[in-house]
Amino acid sequence: MLLLIVVLFSVFYLFQINRLTYALCTRREIPEENQPKVFRTINILITILLISFYVEVLISL
């Protein structure tokens, strides 16, 4: 049950972060060729954050 809640939260959170990243790229006028690097970096960092959150919650139970 906990895994399902964390996965649903993670999908929603990643979607929102990607939306904010797109807004950042358009506002800062980041060139098209650099945008995939920005998205990849942010998505990797957020994924690490979400995995560490899940491990911390799992350990505390």
PDB file of N, CA and C in Angstrom:
ATOM      1  N   MET A   1       0.826  -1.192   0.000  1.00  0.00           N
ATOM      2  CA  MET A   1       0.000   0.000   0.000  1.00  0.00           C
ATOM      3  C   MET A   1       0.873   1.259   0.000  1.00  0.00           C
ATOM      4  N   LEU A   2       1.923   1.228   0.822  1.00  0.00           N
ATOM      5  CA  LEU A   2       2.833   2.369   0.893  1.00  0.00           C
ATOM      6  C   LEU A   2       3.520   2.611  -0.453  1.00  0.00           C
ATOM      7  N   LEU A   3       3.906   1.526  -1.106  1.00  0.00           N
ATOM      8  CA  LEU A   3       4.563   1.650  -2.405  1.00  0.00           C
ATOM      9  C   LEU A   3       3.641   2.322  -3.423  1.00  0.00           C
ATOM     10  N   LEU A   4       2.388   1.984  -3.424  1.00  0.00           N
ATOM     11  CA  LEU A   4       1.425   2.585  -4.353  1.00  0.00           C
ATOM     12  C   LEU A   4       1.282   4.077  -4.097  1.00  0.00           C
ATOM     13  N   ILE A   5       1.196   4.467  -2.851  1.00  0.00           N
ATOM     14  CA  ILE A   5       1.065   5.886  -2.507  1.00  0.00           C
ATOM     15  C   ILE A   5       2.318   6.653  -2.932  1.00  0.00           C
ATOM     16  N   VAL A   6       3.477   6.095  -2.671  1.00  0.00           N
ATOM     17  CA  VAL A   6       4.721   6.760  -3.029  1.00  0.00           C
ATOM     18  C   VAL A   6       4.856   6.870  -4.548  1.00  0.00           C
ATOM     19  N   VAL A   7       4.483   5.837  -5.276  1.00  0.00           N
ATOM     20  CA  VAL A   7       4.569   5.878  -6.737  1.00  0.00           C
ATOM     21  C   VAL A   7       3.618   6.928  -7.300  1.00  0.00           C
ATOM     22  N   LEU A   8       2.405   6.994  -6.812  1.00  0.00           N
ATOM     23  CA  LEU A   8       1.452   8.001  -7.283  1.00  0.00           C
ATOM     24  C   LEU A   8       1.933   9.414  -6.962  1.00  0.00           C
ATOM     25  N   PHE A   9       2.424   9.608  -5.759  1.00  0.00           N
ATOM     26  CA  PHE A   9       2.985  10.903  -5.378  1.00  0.00           C
ATOM     27  C   PHE A   9       4.171  11.261  -6.267  1.00  0.00           C
ATOM     28  N   SER A  10       5.033  10.290  -6.543  1.00  0.00           N
ATOM     29  CA  SER A  10       6.231  10.529  -7.347  1.00  0.00           C
ATOM     30  C   SER A  10       5.886  10.919  -8.776  1.00  0.00           C
ATOM     31  N   VAL A  11       4.905  10.250  -9.359  1.00  0.00           N
ATOM     32  CA  VAL A  11       4.498  10.580 -10.724  1.00  0.00           C
ATOM     33  C   VAL A  11       3.950  12.002 -10.778  1.00  0.00           C
ATOM     34  N   PHE A  12       3.101  12.339  -9.847  1.00  0.00           N
ATOM     35  CA  PHE A  12       2.545  13.694  -9.800  1.00  0.00           C
ATOM     36  C   PHE A  12       3.652  14.720  -9.589  1.00  0.00           C
ATOM     37  N   TYR A  13       4.568  14.438  -8.680  1.00  0.00           N
ATOM     38  CA  TYR A  13       5.661  15.361  -8.362  1.00  0.00           C
ATOM     39  C   TYR A  13       6.578  15.557  -9.568  1.00  0.00           C
ATOM     40  N   LEU A  14       6.934  14.473 -10.249  1.00  0.00           N
ATOM     41  CA  LEU A  14       7.781  14.584 -11.434  1.00  0.00           C
ATOM     42  C   LEU A  14       7.103  15.383 -12.538  1.00  0.00           C
ATOM     43  N   PHE A  15       5.806  15.178 -12.705  1.00  0.00           N
ATOM     44  CA  PHE A  15       5.058  15.943 -13.704  1.00  0.00           C
ATOM     45  C   PHE A  15       5.111  17.437 -13.384  1.00  0.00           C
ATOM     46  N   GLN A  16       4.913  17.792 -12.145  1.00  0.00           N
ATOM     47  CA  GLN A  16       4.938  19.198 -11.748  1.00  0.00           C
ATOM     48  C   GLN A  16       6.332  19.796 -11.904  1.00  0.00           C
ATOM     49  N   ILE A  17       7.357  19.046 -11.533  1.00  0.00           N
ATOM     50  CA  ILE A  17       8.730  19.526 -11.674  1.00  0.00           C
ATOM     51  C   ILE A  17       9.075  19.735 -13.146  1.00  0.00           C
ATOM     52  N   ASN A  18       8.643  18.826 -14.010  1.00  0.00           N
ATOM     53  CA  ASN A  18       8.900  18.994 -15.441  1.00  0.00           C
ATOM     54  C   ASN A  18       8.166  20.201 -15.999  1.00  0.00           C
ATOM     55  N   ARG A  19       6.973  20.460 -15.508  1.00  0.00           N
ATOM     56  CA  ARG A  19       6.235  21.645 -15.936  1.00  0.00           C
ATOM     57  C   ARG A  19       6.965  22.920 -15.516  1.00  0.00           C
ATOM     58  N   LEU A  20       7.472  22.935 -14.289  1.00  0.00           N
ATOM     59  CA  LEU A  20       8.240  24.086 -13.816  1.00  0.00           C
ATOM     60  C   LEU A  20       9.565  24.240 -14.566  1.00  0.00           C
ATOM     61  N   THR A  21      10.188  23.120 -14.918  1.00  0.00           N
ATOM     62  CA  THR A  21      11.435  23.166 -15.682  1.00  0.00           C
ATOM     63  C   THR A  21      11.181  23.744 -17.073  1.00  0.00           C
ATOM     64  N   TYR A  22      10.075  23.369 -17.689  1.00  0.00           N
ATOM     65  CA  TYR A  22       9.731  23.919 -18.994  1.00  0.00           C
ATOM     66  C   TYR A  22       9.518  25.432 -18.893  1.00  0.00           C
ATOM     67  N   ALA A  23       8.843  25.865 -17.836  1.00  0.00           N
ATOM     68  CA  ALA A  23       8.628  27.299 -17.640  1.00  0.00           C
ATOM     69  C   ALA A  23       9.967  28.019 -17.436  1.00  0.00           C
ATOM     70  N   LEU A  24      10.874  27.403 -16.707  1.00  0.00           N
ATOM     71  CA  LEU A  24      12.205  27.978 -16.514  1.00  0.00           C
ATOM     72  C   LEU A  24      12.942  28.113 -17.841  1.00  0.00           C
ATOM     73  N   CYS A  25      12.895  27.066 -18.660  1.00  0.00           N
ATOM     74  CA  CYS A  25      13.587  27.092 -19.949  1.00  0.00           C
ATOM     75  C   CYS A  25      13.024  28.168 -20.865  1.00  0.00           C
ATOM     76  N   THR A  26      11.719  28.358 -20.856  1.00  0.00           N
ATOM     77  CA  THR A  26      11.139  29.376 -21.727  1.00  0.00           C
ATOM     78  C   THR A  26      11.399  30.779 -21.188  1.00  0.00           C
ATOM     79  N   ARG A  27      11.335  30.959 -19.873  1.00  0.00           N
ATOM     80  CA  ARG A  27      11.556  32.285 -19.301  1.00  0.00           C
ATOM     81  C   ARG A  27      13.011  32.724 -19.442  1.00  0.00           C
ATOM     82  N   ARG A  28      13.941  31.814 -19.208  1.00  0.00           N
ATOM     83  CA  ARG A  28      15.369  32.132 -19.299  1.00  0.00           C
ATOM     84  C   ARG A  28      15.888  32.048 -20.734  1.00  0.00           C
ATOM     85  N   GLU A  29      15.024  31.645 -21.648  1.00  0.00           N
ATOM     86  CA  GLU A  29      15.362  31.503 -23.068  1.00  0.00           C
ATOM     87  C   GLU A  29      16.594  30.619 -23.267  1.00  0.00           C
ATOM     88  N   ILE A  30      16.551  29.454 -22.627  1.00  0.00           N
ATOM     89  CA  ILE A  30      17.626  28.474 -22.768  1.00  0.00           C
ATOM     90  C   ILE A  30      17.533  27.881 -24.175  1.00  0.00           C
ATOM     91  N   PRO A  31      18.649  27.799 -24.892  1.00  0.00           N
ATOM     92  CA  PRO A  31      18.620  27.279 -26.267  1.00  0.00           C
ATOM     93  C   PRO A  31      18.078  25.845 -26.331  1.00  0.00           C
ATOM     94  N   GLU A  32      17.462  25.521 -27.455  1.00  0.00           N
ATOM     95  CA  GLU A  32      16.851  24.201 -27.639  1.00  0.00           C
ATOM     96  C   GLU A  32      17.848  23.059 -27.441  1.00  0.00           C
ATOM     97  N   GLU A  33      19.087  23.252 -27.854  1.00  0.00           N
ATOM     98  CA  GLU A  33      20.065  22.164 -27.745  1.00  0.00           C
ATOM     99  C   GLU A  33      20.506  21.923 -26.304  1.00  0.00           C
ATOM    100  N   ASN A  34      20.318  22.883 -25.405  1.00  0.00           N
ATOM    101  CA  ASN A  34      20.691  22.709 -23.996  1.00  0.00           C
ATOM    102  C   ASN A  34      19.532  22.222 -23.130  1.00  0.00           C
ATOM    103  N   GLN A  35      18.315  22.333 -23.617  1.00  0.00           N
ATOM    104  CA  GLN A  35      17.157  21.958 -22.802  1.00  0.00           C
ATOM    105  C   GLN A  35      17.136  20.490 -22.392  1.00  0.00           C
ATOM    106  N   PRO A  36      17.485  19.534 -23.280  1.00  0.00           N
ATOM    107  CA  PRO A  36      17.503  18.134 -22.815  1.00  0.00           C
ATOM    108  C   PRO A  36      18.465  17.890 -21.657  1.00  0.00           C
ATOM    109  N   LYS A  37      19.590  18.596 -21.636  1.00  0.00           N
ATOM    110  CA  LYS A  37      20.545  18.452 -20.531  1.00  0.00           C
ATOM    111  C   LYS A  37      19.939  18.965 -19.227  1.00  0.00           C
ATOM    112  N   VAL A  38      19.224  20.074 -19.316  1.00  0.00           N
ATOM    113  CA  VAL A  38      18.587  20.641 -18.118  1.00  0.00           C
ATOM    114  C   VAL A  38      17.526  19.683 -17.592  1.00  0.00           C
ATOM    115  N   PHE A  39      16.666  19.180 -18.493  1.00  0.00           N
ATOM    116  CA  PHE A  39      15.617  18.245 -18.071  1.00  0.00           C
ATOM    117  C   PHE A  39      16.213  16.974 -17.487  1.00  0.00           C
ATOM    118  N   ARG A  40      17.239  16.431 -18.131  1.00  0.00           N
ATOM    119  CA  ARG A  40      17.854  15.196 -17.661  1.00  0.00           C
ATOM    120  C   ARG A  40      18.459  15.379 -16.271  1.00  0.00           C
ATOM    121  N   THR A  41      19.171  16.472 -16.077  1.00  0.00           N
ATOM    122  CA  THR A  41      19.805  16.731 -14.778  1.00  0.00           C
ATOM    123  C   THR A  41      18.760  16.871 -13.681  1.00  0.00           C
ATOM    124  N   ILE A  42      17.739  17.657 -13.921  1.00  0.00           N
ATOM    125  CA  ILE A  42      16.700  17.870 -12.908  1.00  0.00           C
ATOM    126  C   ILE A  42      15.955  16.579 -12.628  1.00  0.00           C
ATOM    127  N   ASN A  43      15.619  15.814 -13.667  1.00  0.00           N
ATOM    128  CA  ASN A  43      14.891  14.559 -13.452  1.00  0.00           C
ATOM    129  C   ASN A  43      15.723  13.542 -12.679  1.00  0.00           C
ATOM    130  N   ILE A  44      17.013  13.471 -12.952  1.00  0.00           N
ATOM    131  CA  ILE A  44      17.867  12.543 -12.206  1.00  0.00           C
ATOM    132  C   ILE A  44      17.939  12.950 -10.735  1.00  0.00           C
ATOM    133  N   LEU A  45      18.117  14.234 -10.475  1.00  0.00           N
ATOM    134  CA  LEU A  45      18.202  14.698  -9.089  1.00  0.00           C
ATOM    135  C   LEU A  45      16.888  14.485  -8.334  1.00  0.00           C
ATOM    136  N   ILE A  46      15.771  14.737  -8.984  1.00  0.00           N
ATOM    137  CA  ILE A  46      14.468  14.529  -8.340  1.00  0.00           C
ATOM    138  C   ILE A  46      14.225  13.043  -8.103  1.00  0.00           C
ATOM    139  N   THR A  47      14.635  12.193  -9.034  1.00  0.00           N
ATOM    140  CA  THR A  47      14.481  10.749  -8.843  1.00  0.00           C
ATOM    141  C   THR A  47      15.304  10.262  -7.656  1.00  0.00           C
ATOM    142  N   ILE A  48      16.516  10.756  -7.521  1.00  0.00           N
ATOM    143  CA  ILE A  48      17.341  10.407  -6.355  1.00  0.00           C
ATOM    144  C   ILE A  48      16.663  10.866  -5.069  1.00  0.00           C
ATOM    145  N   LEU A  49      16.123  12.069  -5.091  1.00  0.00           N
ATOM    146  CA  LEU A  49      15.412  12.586  -3.923  1.00  0.00           C
ATOM    147  C   LEU A  49      14.209  11.711  -3.563  1.00  0.00           C
ATOM    148  N   LEU A  50      13.435  11.292  -4.548  1.00  0.00           N
ATOM    149  CA  LEU A  50      12.252  10.469  -4.287  1.00  0.00           C
ATOM    150  C   LEU A  50      12.629   9.073  -3.799  1.00  0.00           C
ATOM    151  N   ILE A  51      13.695   8.514  -4.327  1.00  0.00           N
ATOM    152  CA  ILE A  51      14.137   7.192  -3.868  1.00  0.00           C
ATOM    153  C   ILE A  51      14.623   7.275  -2.426  1.00  0.00           C
ATOM    154  N   SER A  52      15.362   8.322  -2.101  1.00  0.00           N
ATOM    155  CA  SER A  52      15.832   8.466  -0.718  1.00  0.00           C
ATOM    156  C   SER A  52      14.661   8.707   0.234  1.00  0.00           C
ATOM    157  N   PHE A  53      13.644   9.427  -0.236  1.00  0.00           N
ATOM    158  CA  PHE A  53      12.436   9.622   0.569  1.00  0.00           C
ATOM    159  C   PHE A  53      11.753   8.285   0.844  1.00  0.00           C
ATOM    160  N   TYR A  54      11.628   7.441  -0.182  1.00  0.00           N
ATOM    161  CA  TYR A  54      10.989   6.147  -0.009  1.00  0.00           C
ATOM    162  C   TYR A  54      11.782   5.262   0.953  1.00  0.00           C
ATOM    163  N   VAL A  55      13.091   5.254   0.828  1.00  0.00           N
ATOM    164  CA  VAL A  55      13.934   4.442   1.723  1.00  0.00           C
ATOM    165  C   VAL A  55      13.802   4.943   3.159  1.00  0.00           C
ATOM    166  N   GLU A  56      13.790   6.255   3.336  1.00  0.00           N
ATOM    167  CA  GLU A  56      13.660   6.806   4.685  1.00  0.00           C
ATOM    168  C   GLU A  56      12.314   6.436   5.315  1.00  0.00           C
ATOM    169  N   VAL A  57      11.254   6.517   4.535  1.00  0.00           N
ATOM    170  CA  VAL A  57       9.935   6.142   5.041  1.00  0.00           C
ATOM    171  C   VAL A  57       9.894   4.649   5.351  1.00  0.00           C
ATOM    172  N   LEU A  58      10.483   3.851   4.492  1.00  0.00           N
ATOM    173  CA  LEU A  58      10.500   2.412   4.679  1.00  0.00           C
ATOM    174  C   LEU A  58      11.275   2.027   5.931  1.00  0.00           C
ATOM    175  N   ILE A  59      12.378   2.693   6.193  1.00  0.00           N
ATOM    176  CA  ILE A  59      13.194   2.397   7.380  1.00  0.00           C
ATOM    177  C   ILE A  59      12.476   2.814   8.655  1.00  0.00           C
ATOM    178  N   SER A  60      11.754   3.931   8.599  1.00  0.00           N
ATOM    179  CA  SER A  60      11.104   4.432   9.803  1.00  0.00           C
ATOM    180  C   SER A  60       9.892   3.591  10.231  1.00  0.00           C
ATOM    181  N   LEU A  61       9.413   2.741   9.333  1.00  0.00           N
ATOM    182  CA  LEU A  61       8.279   1.891   9.705  1.00  0.00           C
ATOM    183  C   LEU A  61       8.727   0.768  10.522  1.00  0.00           C
TER     184      LEU A  61
END
